[in-house]
Protein backbone atom coordinates (compact mmCIF):
# COMPACT_ATOMS: atom_id res chain seq x y z
CA GLU A 1 0.37 -0.18 -0.16
CA SER A 2 1.50 3.26 -0.58
CA GLY A 3 -0.25 5.33 1.63
CA VAL A 4 -1.80 7.67 -1.20
CA PRO A 5 -5.67 8.28 -1.17
CA GLY A 6 -7.31 6.66 -4.00
CA TYR A 7 -4.65 4.63 -5.14
CA GLU A 8 -5.98 0.92 -5.73
CA ALA A 9 -8.42 3.11 -8.24
CA GLN A 10 -5.73 4.86 -10.37
CA GLN A 11 -4.45 1.19 -10.79
CA TRP A 12 -7.29 -0.13 -12.01
CA TRP A 13 -8.03 2.73 -14.50
CA GLY A 14 -4.38 1.94 -15.54
CA VAL A 15 -5.61 -1.24 -16.88
CA LEU A 16 -9.22 -0.68 -18.12
CA ALA A 17 -7.74 2.03 -20.49
CA PRO A 18 -5.50 -0.19 -22.31
CA ALA A 19 -7.33 -3.67 -21.89
CA SER A 20 -10.52 -1.78 -23.42
CA ASN A 21 -8.27 -1.43 -26.48
CA PHE A 22 -9.09 -4.73 -27.39
CA ILE A 23 -12.83 -4.13 -28.09
CA PRO A 24 -12.84 -2.25 -31.24
CA PHE A 25 -14.37 1.33 -30.94
CA LEU A 26 -16.61 -0.14 -28.13
CA GLY A 27 -14.08 -0.60 -25.40
CA SER A 28 -12.47 2.98 -25.83
CA LEU A 29 -16.13 4.35 -26.16
CA ALA A 30 -17.12 2.73 -22.33
CA VAL A 31 -14.04 4.00 -21.33
CA GLY A 32 -14.63 7.83 -22.27
CA VAL A 33 -17.71 7.68 -20.93
CA LEU A 34 -16.51 6.37 -17.44
CA LEU A 35 -14.10 8.90 -17.56
CA ALA A 36 -16.78 12.11 -18.10
CA GLY A 37 -18.35 10.54 -15.28
CA VAL A 38 -15.55 10.54 -13.11
CA ALA A 39 -14.46 13.96 -14.07
CA VAL A 40 -18.04 15.42 -13.52
CA VAL A 41 -17.62 14.15 -10.07
CA THR A 42 -14.45 15.02 -9.66
CA PHE A 43 -14.02 18.60 -11.17
CA ASP A 44 -15.97 21.80 -10.60
CA ASP A 45 -14.55 23.65 -13.71
CA TRP A 46 -16.17 22.41 -17.14
CA MET A 47 -12.57 23.14 -18.94
CA ARG A 48 -11.26 20.58 -16.86
CA ILE A 49 -14.33 18.23 -17.21
CA LEU A 50 -14.10 18.49 -20.93
CA ALA A 51 -10.26 18.13 -21.13
CA VAL A 52 -10.24 14.52 -19.49
CA PRO A 53 -12.39 12.72 -22.23
CA SER A 54 -11.01 14.84 -24.64
CA VAL A 55 -7.33 14.09 -24.12
CA PHE A 56 -8.61 10.15 -23.54
CA VAL A 57 -10.12 10.15 -27.22
CA LEU A 58 -7.16 12.49 -28.68
CA LEU A 59 -4.40 9.75 -26.75
CA THR A 60 -6.69 7.25 -28.49
CA SER A 61 -7.42 8.04 -32.06
CA LEU A 62 -3.65 8.79 -32.33
CA GLU A 63 -2.27 5.57 -31.38
CA GLY A 64 -5.62 3.67 -33.16
CA PHE A 65 -5.41 5.34 -36.53
CA PHE A 66 -1.69 6.30 -37.04
CA LEU A 67 0.47 4.17 -34.43
CA THR A 68 -1.06 0.66 -34.58
CA PRO A 69 -0.79 0.61 -37.89
CA SER A 70 2.73 1.65 -38.62
CA ILE A 71 3.93 -0.86 -36.36
CA VAL A 72 1.63 -3.55 -37.22
CA GLY A 73 2.57 -2.74 -41.31
CA ARG A 74 6.29 -2.79 -40.83
CA SER A 75 6.44 -5.79 -38.99
CA LEU A 76 3.97 -7.80 -41.32
CA ARG A 77 5.44 -5.75 -44.46
CA LEU A 78 2.20 -4.53 -44.84
CA ASN A 79 1.63 -0.90 -46.34
CA PRO A 80 0.07 0.89 -43.31
CA ILE A 81 -2.53 2.39 -45.53
CA VAL A 82 -3.36 -0.96 -46.73
CA ILE A 83 -4.35 -2.27 -43.31
CA PHE A 84 -6.29 1.01 -42.33
CA SER A 85 -8.20 0.59 -45.21
CA GLY A 86 -8.83 -3.02 -44.64
CA ILE A 87 -9.79 -2.40 -41.49
CA LEU A 88 -12.35 0.19 -42.27
CA VAL A 89 -13.76 -1.86 -44.83
CA ALA A 90 -13.99 -4.99 -42.91
CA SER A 91 -15.59 -3.27 -40.16
CA TRP A 92 -18.58 -1.70 -42.26
CA LEU A 93 -19.16 -4.88 -43.93
CA TRP A 94 -19.05 -6.60 -41.07
CA GLY A 95 -19.12 -4.64 -37.61
CA ILE A 96 -16.67 -5.22 -34.60
CA PRO A 97 -16.12 -8.90 -36.02
CA GLY A 98 -14.92 -7.74 -39.28
CA SER A 99 -12.60 -5.17 -37.59
CA LEU A 100 -10.77 -8.20 -35.54
CA VAL A 101 -10.27 -10.49 -38.58
CA ALA A 102 -9.44 -7.72 -40.73
CA VAL A 103 -5.36 -7.75 -40.41
CA PRO A 104 -5.32 -11.81 -40.27
CA MET A 105 -7.02 -11.49 -43.62
CA LEU A 106 -4.50 -9.10 -44.57
CA VAL A 107 -1.69 -11.23 -43.77
CA VAL A 108 -3.50 -14.16 -45.48
CA LEU A 109 -4.26 -12.56 -48.76
CA LYS A 110 -0.64 -11.22 -48.76
CA LEU A 111 1.06 -14.91 -47.97
CA VAL A 112 -1.04 -16.16 -50.85
CA CYS A 113 -0.08 -13.61 -53.09
CA ASP A 114 3.74 -13.43 -52.54
CA ARG A 115 3.18 -17.58 -53.51
CA THR A 116 1.01 -17.67 -56.62
CA PRO A 117 3.07 -16.21 -59.29
CA SER A 118 0.35 -14.73 -61.03
CA LEU A 119 -1.21 -12.48 -58.07
CA MET A 120 3.05 -11.35 -57.01
CA PRO A 121 1.96 -8.01 -58.12
CA ILE A 122 -0.73 -7.55 -56.23
CA GLY A 123 1.48 -9.16 -52.94
CA ARG A 124 4.12 -6.12 -53.83
CA ALA A 125 1.31 -3.94 -53.76
CA LEU A 126 -0.07 -4.78 -50.38
CA SER A 127 4.01 -4.14 -48.92
CA GLY A 128 3.93 -0.71 -50.20
């Protein structure tokens, strides 16, 4: 125990925020709503109340739209724009399950294209 009031609650926020990242869209939305509720209870100033969920949404958006596609793109040798577009299209077509299977489907597509001579140009296009 650290002796800091509310320390246990702070630990749970640190676990909840990244864990919710595994639930596309709804996880971040739920944590944002929870943070907004805690901010309303905690602060009296509207600027501080709005700052809490706004910063969370900004950081989550930067991570989800730029950082993760870039890292996944480099490690899988897939173009980050292809990953982002694939997730967007799969989410639009199939909702949350589509967003979960979009990257694995792109990886399988790239592997098939890289090993099929007639599809190698598509594989190179997916690589960027």
